[in-house]
Amino acid sequence: MIRINLLGQIRPKAARRPVDTGAAMPVVFIGAGLVLGALVLGFFYFTWQNQLNKENTEIKRLTAQKTELEQTKQQVELFEKQKDLLQRRVSTIEQLQRDRTGGQELLDMVANTVSRTENLWLTEMVRKGSVLSMEGTSASVNSVANFITALKRSGYCQKVEL
């Protein structure tokens, strides 16, 4: 419906009734608290999620580094085994070189001594380290005594036993 003011006076506005905010204030504070709590929890959630992602990428990196180091460790162990094998071979060769020296000189000395002794024949000669064992036959005891004396005089044999 349309109203027309013919008096020309401004009609006083009706005073508004005061709104009762007493009951709404606790609801506003509770809502503001919930919003603030949600913001704080959201901040902590995203912060911890970011930290969790960083830790997961660090774990992946360290796991990859661990596998790489395990492969390197296996290679080092393989090289150590090869080194030990080669070291044993070198030691064996060096031992053979040390044991080999004097063999020809020893045989020459024994051959000369046997050929100078009459009625003496060697049938077996075995060298084990620094011990030389000989077996043979003789026509007389004097031939064996002469052979022992010749061995002592040669300088190669330190202790001669019958």
N, C-alpha and C. Protein backbone atom coordinates (compact mmCIF):
# COMPACT_ATOMS: atom_id res chain seq x y z
N MET A 1 0.82 -1.15 0.00
CA MET A 1 0.00 0.00 0.00
C MET A 1 0.88 1.23 0.00
N ILE A 2 0.43 2.28 -0.67
CA ILE A 2 1.23 3.47 -0.84
C ILE A 2 0.72 4.50 0.15
N ARG A 3 1.65 5.16 0.78
CA ARG A 3 1.28 6.22 1.73
C ARG A 3 1.82 7.54 1.21
N ILE A 4 1.02 8.53 1.31
CA ILE A 4 1.41 9.86 0.86
C ILE A 4 1.31 10.79 2.05
N ASN A 5 2.34 11.59 2.28
CA ASN A 5 2.40 12.51 3.40
C ASN A 5 1.89 13.87 2.92
N LEU A 6 0.69 14.30 3.31
CA LEU A 6 0.12 15.55 2.87
C LEU A 6 0.40 16.68 3.88
N LEU A 7 0.88 16.38 5.00
CA LEU A 7 1.13 17.37 6.02
C LEU A 7 2.47 18.09 5.78
N GLY A 8 3.38 17.45 5.11
CA GLY A 8 4.66 18.06 4.84
C GLY A 8 5.63 17.94 5.99
N GLN A 9 5.19 17.40 6.98
CA GLN A 9 6.12 17.22 8.09
C GLN A 9 6.76 15.82 7.99
N ILE A 10 7.91 15.86 8.43
CA ILE A 10 8.59 14.57 8.40
C ILE A 10 8.12 13.80 9.61
N ARG A 11 7.78 12.76 9.29
CA ARG A 11 7.24 11.89 10.33
C ARG A 11 8.40 11.31 11.14
N PRO A 12 8.32 11.40 12.41
CA PRO A 12 9.42 10.87 13.20
C PRO A 12 9.50 9.35 13.05
N LYS A 13 10.70 8.92 12.96
CA LYS A 13 10.91 7.49 12.79
C LYS A 13 10.72 6.83 14.14
N ALA A 14 10.25 5.67 14.03
CA ALA A 14 10.05 4.91 15.26
C ALA A 14 11.40 4.46 15.79
N ALA A 15 11.53 4.58 17.04
CA ALA A 15 12.79 4.19 17.67
C ALA A 15 12.92 2.67 17.62
N ARG A 16 14.09 2.29 17.28
CA ARG A 16 14.30 0.84 17.20
C ARG A 16 14.41 0.27 18.60
N ARG A 17 13.93 -0.87 18.62
CA ARG A 17 14.02 -1.54 19.92
C ARG A 17 15.42 -2.13 20.07
N PRO A 18 15.96 -2.01 21.20
CA PRO A 18 17.30 -2.59 21.38
C PRO A 18 17.25 -4.11 21.24
N VAL A 19 18.23 -4.63 20.54
CA VAL A 19 18.30 -6.08 20.33
C VAL A 19 18.97 -6.68 21.56
N ASP A 20 18.45 -7.74 21.98
CA ASP A 20 19.00 -8.41 23.14
C ASP A 20 20.23 -9.23 22.71
N THR A 21 21.43 -8.73 23.02
CA THR A 21 22.67 -9.40 22.64
C THR A 21 23.21 -10.25 23.77
N GLY A 22 22.56 -10.30 24.82
CA GLY A 22 23.01 -11.07 25.98
C GLY A 22 23.10 -12.56 25.67
N ALA A 23 22.18 -13.09 24.94
CA ALA A 23 22.18 -14.52 24.63
C ALA A 23 23.09 -14.82 23.44
N ALA A 24 23.33 -13.84 22.56
CA ALA A 24 24.13 -14.06 21.36
C ALA A 24 25.63 -13.97 21.65
N MET A 25 26.04 -13.28 22.67
CA MET A 25 27.46 -13.09 22.95
C MET A 25 28.17 -14.42 23.24
N PRO A 26 27.65 -15.28 24.05
CA PRO A 26 28.35 -16.56 24.26
C PRO A 26 28.48 -17.37 22.97
N VAL A 27 27.46 -17.30 22.12
CA VAL A 27 27.51 -18.03 20.85
C VAL A 27 28.60 -17.44 19.97
N VAL A 28 28.74 -16.11 19.95
CA VAL A 28 29.77 -15.45 19.16
C VAL A 28 31.15 -15.84 19.68
N PHE A 29 31.32 -15.82 21.01
CA PHE A 29 32.62 -16.19 21.57
C PHE A 29 32.95 -17.66 21.32
N ILE A 30 31.96 -18.51 21.42
CA ILE A 30 32.19 -19.94 21.15
C ILE A 30 32.57 -20.14 19.68
N GLY A 31 31.85 -19.46 18.79
CA GLY A 31 32.17 -19.57 17.35
C GLY A 31 33.56 -19.03 17.05
N ALA A 32 33.90 -17.87 17.65
CA ALA A 32 35.23 -17.30 17.43
C ALA A 32 36.30 -18.24 17.98
N GLY A 33 36.03 -18.85 19.13
CA GLY A 33 36.98 -19.81 19.71
C GLY A 33 37.17 -21.03 18.81
N LEU A 34 36.04 -21.51 18.25
CA LEU A 34 36.13 -22.66 17.34
C LEU A 34 36.92 -22.30 16.08
N VAL A 35 36.67 -21.12 15.53
CA VAL A 35 37.40 -20.69 14.33
C VAL A 35 38.88 -20.54 14.65
N LEU A 36 39.18 -19.89 15.78
CA LEU A 36 40.58 -19.71 16.18
C LEU A 36 41.24 -21.06 16.43
N GLY A 37 40.56 -21.96 17.09
CA GLY A 37 41.10 -23.31 17.35
C GLY A 37 41.35 -24.05 16.04
N ALA A 38 40.40 -23.93 15.09
CA ALA A 38 40.57 -24.59 13.80
C ALA A 38 41.78 -24.02 13.07
N LEU A 39 41.98 -22.70 13.15
CA LEU A 39 43.15 -22.08 12.51
C LEU A 39 44.45 -22.57 13.15
N VAL A 40 44.48 -22.63 14.46
CA VAL A 40 45.69 -23.11 15.15
C VAL A 40 45.96 -24.56 14.80
N LEU A 41 44.92 -25.41 14.86
CA LEU A 41 45.10 -26.82 14.51
C LEU A 41 45.51 -26.98 13.05
N GLY A 42 44.93 -26.18 12.17
CA GLY A 42 45.31 -26.24 10.76
C GLY A 42 46.77 -25.85 10.57
N PHE A 43 47.21 -24.81 11.31
CA PHE A 43 48.61 -24.40 11.22
C PHE A 43 49.54 -25.53 11.67
N PHE A 44 49.22 -26.11 12.84
CA PHE A 44 50.03 -27.22 13.32
C PHE A 44 49.99 -28.41 12.36
N TYR A 45 48.82 -28.71 11.80
CA TYR A 45 48.69 -29.83 10.87
C TYR A 45 49.58 -29.62 9.65
N PHE A 46 49.51 -28.46 9.03
CA PHE A 46 50.30 -28.22 7.83
C PHE A 46 51.80 -28.14 8.16
N THR A 47 52.14 -27.61 9.33
CA THR A 47 53.54 -27.56 9.73
C THR A 47 54.08 -28.98 9.93
N TRP A 48 53.34 -29.80 10.66
CA TRP A 48 53.78 -31.17 10.91
C TRP A 48 53.76 -32.00 9.63
N GLN A 49 52.79 -31.75 8.77
CA GLN A 49 52.74 -32.46 7.49
C GLN A 49 53.96 -32.11 6.63
N ASN A 50 54.34 -30.84 6.63
CA ASN A 50 55.52 -30.41 5.89
C ASN A 50 56.78 -31.06 6.48
N GLN A 51 56.88 -31.09 7.80
CA GLN A 51 58.02 -31.73 8.46
C GLN A 51 58.04 -33.23 8.16
N LEU A 52 56.87 -33.87 8.17
CA LEU A 52 56.77 -35.30 7.85
C LEU A 52 57.23 -35.58 6.42
N ASN A 53 56.84 -34.73 5.49
CA ASN A 53 57.27 -34.90 4.10
C ASN A 53 58.79 -34.75 3.97
N LYS A 54 59.35 -33.76 4.69
CA LYS A 54 60.81 -33.58 4.67
C LYS A 54 61.51 -34.82 5.23
N GLU A 55 60.99 -35.34 6.34
CA GLU A 55 61.59 -36.53 6.95
C GLU A 55 61.48 -37.75 6.02
N ASN A 56 60.36 -37.90 5.34
CA ASN A 56 60.19 -39.02 4.41
C ASN A 56 61.17 -38.92 3.24
N THR A 57 61.37 -37.72 2.71
CA THR A 57 62.33 -37.57 1.62
C THR A 57 63.75 -37.84 2.13
N GLU A 58 64.03 -37.43 3.37
CA GLU A 58 65.35 -37.70 3.95
C GLU A 58 65.55 -39.20 4.14
N ILE A 59 64.50 -39.90 4.57
CA ILE A 59 64.57 -41.36 4.74
C ILE A 59 64.83 -42.03 3.39
N LYS A 60 64.13 -41.57 2.35
CA LYS A 60 64.35 -42.15 1.02
C LYS A 60 65.78 -41.90 0.55
N ARG A 61 66.29 -40.70 0.77
CA ARG A 61 67.65 -40.38 0.37
C ARG A 61 68.66 -41.23 1.12
N LEU A 62 68.45 -41.38 2.44
CA LEU A 62 69.37 -42.17 3.24
C LEU A 62 69.30 -43.66 2.88
N THR A 63 68.10 -44.14 2.54
CA THR A 63 67.96 -45.53 2.11
C THR A 63 68.70 -45.76 0.81
N ALA A 64 68.58 -44.83 -0.12
CA ALA A 64 69.32 -44.95 -1.39
C ALA A 64 70.82 -44.90 -1.13
N GLN A 65 71.24 -44.04 -0.24
CA GLN A 65 72.67 -43.94 0.10
C GLN A 65 73.14 -45.23 0.78
N LYS A 66 72.29 -45.81 1.61
CA LYS A 66 72.63 -47.06 2.29
C LYS A 66 72.83 -48.19 1.28
N THR A 67 71.94 -48.31 0.31
CA THR A 67 72.10 -49.36 -0.70
C THR A 67 73.36 -49.14 -1.51
N GLU A 68 73.65 -47.88 -1.82
CA GLU A 68 74.87 -47.57 -2.57
C GLU A 68 76.10 -47.94 -1.75
N LEU A 69 76.08 -47.63 -0.45
CA LEU A 69 77.21 -47.96 0.42
C LEU A 69 77.35 -49.47 0.60
N GLU A 70 76.22 -50.19 0.64
CA GLU A 70 76.29 -51.65 0.75
C GLU A 70 76.93 -52.24 -0.50
N GLN A 71 76.61 -51.70 -1.67
CA GLN A 71 77.24 -52.17 -2.90
C GLN A 71 78.74 -51.87 -2.86
N THR A 72 79.09 -50.69 -2.39
CA THR A 72 80.51 -50.34 -2.28
C THR A 72 81.21 -51.26 -1.29
N LYS A 73 80.53 -51.57 -0.19
CA LYS A 73 81.09 -52.47 0.82
C LYS A 73 81.32 -53.86 0.23
N GLN A 74 80.37 -54.35 -0.57
CA GLN A 74 80.54 -55.65 -1.21
C GLN A 74 81.72 -55.63 -2.17
N GLN A 75 81.88 -54.54 -2.90
CA GLN A 75 83.02 -54.42 -3.80
C GLN A 75 84.33 -54.42 -3.01
N VAL A 76 84.34 -53.69 -1.89
CA VAL A 76 85.54 -53.64 -1.06
C VAL A 76 85.86 -55.03 -0.52
N GLU A 77 84.84 -55.77 -0.07
CA GLU A 77 85.06 -57.13 0.43
C GLU A 77 85.59 -58.03 -0.68
N LEU A 78 85.06 -57.88 -1.89
CA LEU A 78 85.55 -58.66 -3.03
C LEU A 78 87.01 -58.33 -3.30
N PHE A 79 87.34 -57.04 -3.28
CA PHE A 79 88.73 -56.64 -3.50
C PHE A 79 89.64 -57.14 -2.39
N GLU A 80 89.14 -57.15 -1.15
CA GLU A 80 89.92 -57.67 -0.03
C GLU A 80 90.20 -59.16 -0.22
N LYS A 81 89.18 -59.91 -0.66
CA LYS A 81 89.37 -61.34 -0.91
C LYS A 81 90.39 -61.56 -2.03
N GLN A 82 90.28 -60.76 -3.09
CA GLN A 82 91.24 -60.87 -4.18
C GLN A 82 92.64 -60.50 -3.69
N LYS A 83 92.72 -59.47 -2.86
CA LYS A 83 94.02 -59.05 -2.32
C LYS A 83 94.62 -60.17 -1.47
N ASP A 84 93.80 -60.80 -0.61
CA ASP A 84 94.29 -61.89 0.22
C ASP A 84 94.77 -63.06 -0.64
N LEU A 85 94.01 -63.39 -1.67
CA LEU A 85 94.39 -64.48 -2.58
C LEU A 85 95.71 -64.17 -3.26
N LEU A 86 95.84 -62.94 -3.77
CA LEU A 86 97.08 -62.56 -4.44
C LEU A 86 98.24 -62.50 -3.45
N GLN A 87 97.96 -62.05 -2.23
CA GLN A 87 99.02 -61.99 -1.22
C GLN A 87 99.49 -63.40 -0.88
N ARG A 88 98.57 -64.36 -0.77
CA ARG A 88 98.96 -65.74 -0.51
C ARG A 88 99.78 -66.30 -1.66
N ARG A 89 99.38 -65.97 -2.89
CA ARG A 89 100.14 -66.43 -4.05
C ARG A 89 101.56 -65.85 -4.04
N VAL A 90 101.66 -64.56 -3.75
CA VAL A 90 102.97 -63.92 -3.69
C VAL A 90 103.81 -64.56 -2.59
N SER A 91 103.20 -64.81 -1.43
CA SER A 91 103.92 -65.43 -0.31
C SER A 91 104.39 -66.84 -0.70
N THR A 92 103.53 -67.57 -1.39
CA THR A 92 103.92 -68.91 -1.84
C THR A 92 105.08 -68.84 -2.80
N ILE A 93 105.02 -67.92 -3.74
CA ILE A 93 106.10 -67.77 -4.72
C ILE A 93 107.39 -67.37 -4.02
N GLU A 94 107.31 -66.44 -3.07
CA GLU A 94 108.50 -66.03 -2.32
C GLU A 94 109.07 -67.19 -1.52
N GLN A 95 108.19 -67.99 -0.91
CA GLN A 95 108.64 -69.16 -0.14
C GLN A 95 109.33 -70.16 -1.07
N LEU A 96 108.74 -70.37 -2.25
CA LEU A 96 109.36 -71.28 -3.22
C LEU A 96 110.72 -70.75 -3.67
N GLN A 97 110.81 -69.43 -3.86
CA GLN A 97 112.09 -68.84 -4.25
C GLN A 97 113.15 -69.06 -3.16
N ARG A 98 112.75 -68.87 -1.90
CA ARG A 98 113.69 -69.07 -0.79
C ARG A 98 114.11 -70.53 -0.69
N ASP A 99 113.15 -71.45 -0.86
CA ASP A 99 113.45 -72.87 -0.75
C ASP A 99 114.22 -73.39 -1.96
N ARG A 100 114.12 -72.71 -3.06
CA ARG A 100 114.74 -73.16 -4.30
C ARG A 100 116.25 -72.92 -4.31
N THR A 101 116.67 -71.93 -3.59
CA THR A 101 118.09 -71.57 -3.65
C THR A 101 118.94 -72.71 -3.09
N GLY A 102 120.07 -72.97 -3.71
CA GLY A 102 121.02 -73.95 -3.22
C GLY A 102 120.74 -75.37 -3.65
N GLY A 103 119.67 -75.62 -4.35
CA GLY A 103 119.34 -76.98 -4.77
C GLY A 103 120.36 -77.55 -5.72
N GLN A 104 120.74 -76.77 -6.69
CA GLN A 104 121.71 -77.24 -7.68
C GLN A 104 123.09 -77.41 -7.03
N GLU A 105 123.47 -76.49 -6.19
CA GLU A 105 124.76 -76.58 -5.50
C GLU A 105 124.79 -77.81 -4.59
N LEU A 106 123.65 -78.07 -3.92
CA LEU A 106 123.58 -79.23 -3.05
C LEU A 106 123.74 -80.52 -3.85
N LEU A 107 123.06 -80.61 -4.98
CA LEU A 107 123.16 -81.81 -5.81
C LEU A 107 124.58 -81.98 -6.34
N ASP A 108 125.23 -80.90 -6.74
CA ASP A 108 126.62 -80.99 -7.21
C ASP A 108 127.53 -81.49 -6.08
N MET A 109 127.35 -80.98 -4.89
CA MET A 109 128.16 -81.39 -3.75
C MET A 109 127.96 -82.87 -3.45
N VAL A 110 126.69 -83.34 -3.43
CA VAL A 110 126.41 -84.74 -3.14
C VAL A 110 126.97 -85.63 -4.26
N ALA A 111 126.80 -85.21 -5.50
CA ALA A 111 127.32 -86.01 -6.62
C ALA A 111 128.83 -86.13 -6.57
N ASN A 112 129.53 -85.02 -6.29
CA ASN A 112 130.99 -85.06 -6.19
C ASN A 112 131.44 -85.94 -5.03
N THR A 113 130.75 -85.83 -3.91
CA THR A 113 131.12 -86.61 -2.73
C THR A 113 130.90 -88.10 -2.98
N VAL A 114 129.79 -88.45 -3.59
CA VAL A 114 129.50 -89.87 -3.86
C VAL A 114 130.49 -90.42 -4.89
N SER A 115 130.81 -89.64 -5.91
CA SER A 115 131.73 -90.13 -6.96
C SER A 115 133.15 -90.30 -6.43
N ARG A 116 133.54 -89.57 -5.40
CA ARG A 116 134.88 -89.69 -4.82
C ARG A 116 134.98 -90.87 -3.85
N THR A 117 133.83 -91.30 -3.37
CA THR A 117 133.82 -92.41 -2.42
C THR A 117 133.63 -93.71 -3.20
N GLU A 118 134.52 -94.67 -2.96
CA GLU A 118 134.45 -95.93 -3.69
C GLU A 118 133.47 -96.87 -3.00
N ASN A 119 132.83 -97.71 -3.78
CA ASN A 119 131.92 -98.75 -3.31
C ASN A 119 130.74 -98.18 -2.51
N LEU A 120 130.17 -97.02 -2.96
CA LEU A 120 129.02 -96.38 -2.30
C LEU A 120 128.03 -95.98 -3.37
N TRP A 121 126.76 -96.36 -3.17
CA TRP A 121 125.71 -96.04 -4.13
C TRP A 121 124.51 -95.45 -3.38
N LEU A 122 124.04 -94.28 -3.79
CA LEU A 122 122.83 -93.67 -3.21
C LEU A 122 121.61 -94.18 -3.97
N THR A 123 120.57 -94.58 -3.25
CA THR A 123 119.33 -95.05 -3.89
C THR A 123 118.19 -94.06 -3.72
N GLU A 124 118.27 -93.22 -2.68
CA GLU A 124 117.17 -92.25 -2.45
C GLU A 124 117.73 -91.05 -1.69
N MET A 125 117.23 -89.88 -2.07
CA MET A 125 117.62 -88.65 -1.39
C MET A 125 116.36 -87.76 -1.28
N VAL A 126 116.02 -87.35 -0.05
CA VAL A 126 114.80 -86.55 0.18
C VAL A 126 115.20 -85.32 0.98
N ARG A 127 114.75 -84.15 0.52
CA ARG A 127 115.00 -82.89 1.22
C ARG A 127 113.69 -82.36 1.75
N LYS A 128 113.61 -82.16 3.06
CA LYS A 128 112.44 -81.57 3.70
C LYS A 128 112.91 -80.39 4.53
N GLY A 129 112.72 -79.21 3.99
CA GLY A 129 113.18 -78.00 4.67
C GLY A 129 114.69 -77.98 4.71
N SER A 130 115.25 -78.00 5.90
CA SER A 130 116.71 -77.96 6.03
C SER A 130 117.29 -79.34 6.34
N VAL A 131 116.47 -80.39 6.27
CA VAL A 131 116.92 -81.75 6.56
C VAL A 131 117.04 -82.51 5.24
N LEU A 132 118.18 -83.15 5.06
CA LEU A 132 118.43 -83.95 3.87
C LEU A 132 118.63 -85.40 4.31
N SER A 133 117.74 -86.28 3.83
CA SER A 133 117.83 -87.71 4.18
C SER A 133 118.30 -88.46 2.95
N MET A 134 119.29 -89.37 3.16
CA MET A 134 119.83 -90.17 2.05
C MET A 134 119.81 -91.63 2.44
N GLU A 135 119.51 -92.45 1.45
CA GLU A 135 119.56 -93.89 1.63
C GLU A 135 120.41 -94.46 0.51
N GLY A 136 121.10 -95.51 0.82
CA GLY A 136 121.94 -96.13 -0.20
C GLY A 136 122.56 -97.42 0.30
N THR A 137 123.48 -97.94 -0.49
CA THR A 137 124.18 -99.18 -0.13
C THR A 137 125.68 -98.96 -0.25
N SER A 138 126.41 -99.79 0.47
CA SER A 138 127.86 -99.68 0.45
C SER A 138 128.46 -101.07 0.58
N ALA A 139 129.67 -101.24 0.04
CA ALA A 139 130.33 -102.53 0.12
C ALA A 139 131.09 -102.67 1.43
N SER A 140 131.40 -101.52 2.07
CA SER A 140 132.15 -101.62 3.32
C SER A 140 131.77 -100.47 4.25
N VAL A 141 132.10 -100.67 5.51
CA VAL A 141 131.83 -99.65 6.51
C VAL A 141 132.79 -98.48 6.32
N ASN A 142 133.97 -98.75 5.83
CA ASN A 142 134.94 -97.68 5.59
C ASN A 142 134.44 -96.71 4.53
N SER A 143 133.72 -97.20 3.54
CA SER A 143 133.16 -96.31 2.50
C SER A 143 132.15 -95.36 3.10
N VAL A 144 131.32 -95.86 4.02
CA VAL A 144 130.31 -95.02 4.69
C VAL A 144 131.02 -93.98 5.55
N ALA A 145 132.07 -94.38 6.26
CA ALA A 145 132.80 -93.44 7.11
C ALA A 145 133.48 -92.37 6.26
N ASN A 146 134.06 -92.75 5.15
CA ASN A 146 134.68 -91.78 4.24
C ASN A 146 133.63 -90.82 3.67
N PHE A 147 132.45 -91.33 3.35
CA PHE A 147 131.35 -90.50 2.81
C PHE A 147 130.91 -89.47 3.86
N ILE A 148 130.77 -89.90 5.11
CA ILE A 148 130.36 -88.98 6.18
C ILE A 148 131.42 -87.92 6.40
N THR A 149 132.66 -88.29 6.36
CA THR A 149 133.75 -87.33 6.54
C THR A 149 133.76 -86.33 5.39
N ALA A 150 133.54 -86.79 4.16
CA ALA A 150 133.51 -85.90 3.00
C ALA A 150 132.32 -84.93 3.09
N LEU A 151 131.21 -85.40 3.59
CA LEU A 151 130.03 -84.51 3.76
C LEU A 151 130.32 -83.41 4.78
N LYS A 152 130.98 -83.77 5.87
CA LYS A 152 131.31 -82.77 6.90
C LYS A 152 132.29 -81.74 6.37
N ARG A 153 133.24 -82.17 5.55
CA ARG A 153 134.26 -81.25 5.02
C ARG A 153 133.69 -80.34 3.92
N SER A 154 132.57 -80.73 3.30
CA SER A 154 132.02 -79.94 2.18
C SER A 154 131.52 -78.57 2.62
N GLY A 155 131.09 -78.42 3.85
CA GLY A 155 130.61 -77.13 4.34
C GLY A 155 129.10 -76.96 4.19
N TYR A 156 128.45 -77.83 3.46
CA TYR A 156 126.99 -77.73 3.30
C TYR A 156 126.25 -78.43 4.42
N CYS A 157 126.85 -79.47 4.95
CA CYS A 157 126.18 -80.26 5.98
C CYS A 157 126.77 -79.87 7.34
N GLN A 158 125.93 -79.45 8.26
CA GLN A 158 126.40 -79.04 9.58
C GLN A 158 126.42 -80.22 10.54
N LYS A 159 125.40 -81.04 10.45
CA LYS A 159 125.29 -82.17 11.36
C LYS A 159 124.99 -83.41 10.53
N VAL A 160 125.87 -84.37 10.57
CA VAL A 160 125.70 -85.61 9.80
C VAL A 160 125.50 -86.74 10.78
N GLU A 161 124.40 -87.44 10.63
CA GLU A 161 124.09 -88.58 11.51
C GLU A 161 123.90 -89.83 10.66
N LEU A 162 124.28 -90.95 11.22
CA LEU A 162 124.13 -92.23 10.54
C LEU A 162 122.80 -92.83 10.89
